[in-house]
Amino acid sequence: KAAGAFLNGEAAKAKAELGAAGYALAREYVVDHGKSLNFDGTVEVDSFDAAQLWLREADGRAILAFRGSDTQKNLANVRSTETCSMYGHRLHAAVAEGEFAPLVALMSAGDFSG
C-alpha cells in the first residue's frame, strides 16, 4: 500500500501476466521491519521486504521476485555505492545483505521444487 496506486497497479499487472504465462504463486516470504518514514519522509508506513516464488508446473521453471520497502532506509540502501559479492554477482551491499539475505534465510531448497 505504501508504494501508491501506480506501483500497486503495475504489480497487479505483473501478477496477471505471470498467471497468463502459466506461473502460480507458490510461496511468499516477508520480513517485517516495523514502522519507518516513506521515501519522501512525510508519512510513517509499514516497513517490510518481500519475495514471491512463482513456479510453472509445465516445465519446472521458477521466478523469484523481490521488493524492498518504500522507506527512507531502503532508499539509502539503493543509493549506497558499496557493493558485495553474492551468488557470483556484485550487488548493492546494503540491499543484498540487509534486505535480500534475511528473505533468503526463510527459504528452503524444497520450496523451489513445487
Foldseek 3Di string as FASTA:
>chain_A
DLVDDVVVVVVVVVVVVCVVVQKDWQDKFKDWPQWAAFCVRDDIDTFMKMWIWIAHPVVLDIDIDIDGGRHNVVVVQVVDPDWDADPNDTDSCCCVVVHVVVRVVVDDPVSSRD
